[in-house]
Protein backbone atom coordinates (compact mmCIF):
# COMPACT_ATOMS: atom_id res chain seq x y z
CA MET A 1 18.63 5.56 -3.12
CA GLU A 2 15.49 6.52 -0.33
CA SER A 3 12.35 4.91 -1.27
CA LEU A 4 9.75 7.16 -1.00
CA VAL A 5 8.39 5.85 1.66
CA THR A 6 10.95 6.87 4.12
CA ILE A 7 10.76 9.74 2.50
CA ARG A 8 6.35 9.67 3.67
CA ARG A 9 8.07 8.93 7.36
CA LYS A 10 10.87 11.76 7.51
CA ALA A 11 8.25 14.01 7.19
CA LEU A 12 5.04 12.91 9.14
CA ALA A 13 8.80 12.61 11.64
CA GLU A 14 9.54 16.88 11.45
CA LEU A 15 6.08 16.93 11.46
CA LYS A 16 5.25 15.46 14.53
CA GLU A 17 8.37 17.21 16.12
CA ALA A 18 7.60 20.61 15.32
CA ALA A 19 4.68 20.23 16.29
CA TYR A 20 5.62 18.79 20.13
CA ALA A 21 8.10 22.31 19.89
CA LEU A 22 5.30 23.74 19.58
CA GLY A 23 4.30 22.21 22.59
CA CYS A 24 1.02 20.44 20.73
CA ASN A 25 0.49 17.26 21.50
CA ALA A 26 -0.71 15.35 18.81
CA VAL A 27 -0.76 16.46 14.94
CA ILE A 28 -4.99 16.04 13.27
CA GLY A 29 -6.02 16.54 9.50
CA VAL A 30 -2.48 14.93 8.21
CA ASP A 31 -2.34 15.68 4.15
CA PHE A 32 0.78 14.97 2.15
CA ASP A 33 1.90 16.80 -1.08
CA TYR A 34 4.60 15.18 -3.63
CA LEU A 35 6.07 16.58 -5.61
CA THR A 36 8.99 15.09 -8.98
CA LEU A 37 12.16 16.64 -10.41
CA ASP A 38 12.26 17.01 -13.88
CA PRO A 39 15.94 14.94 -14.25
CA GLU A 40 16.33 15.80 -17.26
CA THR A 41 18.98 19.54 -17.89
CA VAL A 42 21.01 21.08 -20.07
CA ASN A 43 24.72 21.01 -19.85
CA ALA A 44 27.51 23.41 -19.77
CA THR A 45 28.61 22.54 -23.97
CA GLY A 46 24.35 22.50 -24.53
CA GLY A 47 23.73 18.59 -24.58
CA THR A 48 21.07 16.96 -22.35
CA LEU A 49 22.28 15.55 -19.39
CA TYR A 50 19.90 12.67 -17.36
CA LEU A 51 19.68 12.81 -13.76
CA PRO A 52 17.88 10.36 -11.37
CA TYR A 53 14.08 11.02 -10.64
CA VAL A 54 13.92 13.11 -7.96
CA PHE A 55 11.59 13.05 -4.87
CA GLY A 56 9.74 15.58 -2.76
CA VAL A 57 7.24 15.53 0.14
CA THR A 58 5.89 17.88 2.63
CA ALA A 59 4.00 17.02 5.86
CA ASN A 60 1.02 19.25 6.55
CA GLY A 61 -1.32 19.26 9.33
CA ASN A 62 -2.90 21.42 12.57
CA ALA A 63 -0.48 21.02 16.28
CA VAL A 64 -3.26 20.59 18.67
CA ILE A 65 -3.46 19.65 22.30
CA ILE A 66 -5.21 17.20 23.87
CA GLU A 67 -6.47 16.46 26.82
CA LYS A 68 -8.65 14.24 28.91
CA ASN A 69 -13.19 14.25 29.24
CA GLY A 70 -13.64 14.46 32.77
CA ILE A 71 -15.96 11.80 32.18
């Protein structure tokens, strides 16, 4: 099972890839949102089935182009 740190790193890597695909070279104002899905569900016979927790992470930010100043 992946750790939350690993999942967060993957979300950030995907955010960077999306920014580079747009022609940008940086991402600013990065924010992470976390989602936990309830592991409890009802099976076909009406009984309760307990599953492992499922975590989701999204990374949001602004893709920008940073240029060197001529100073």
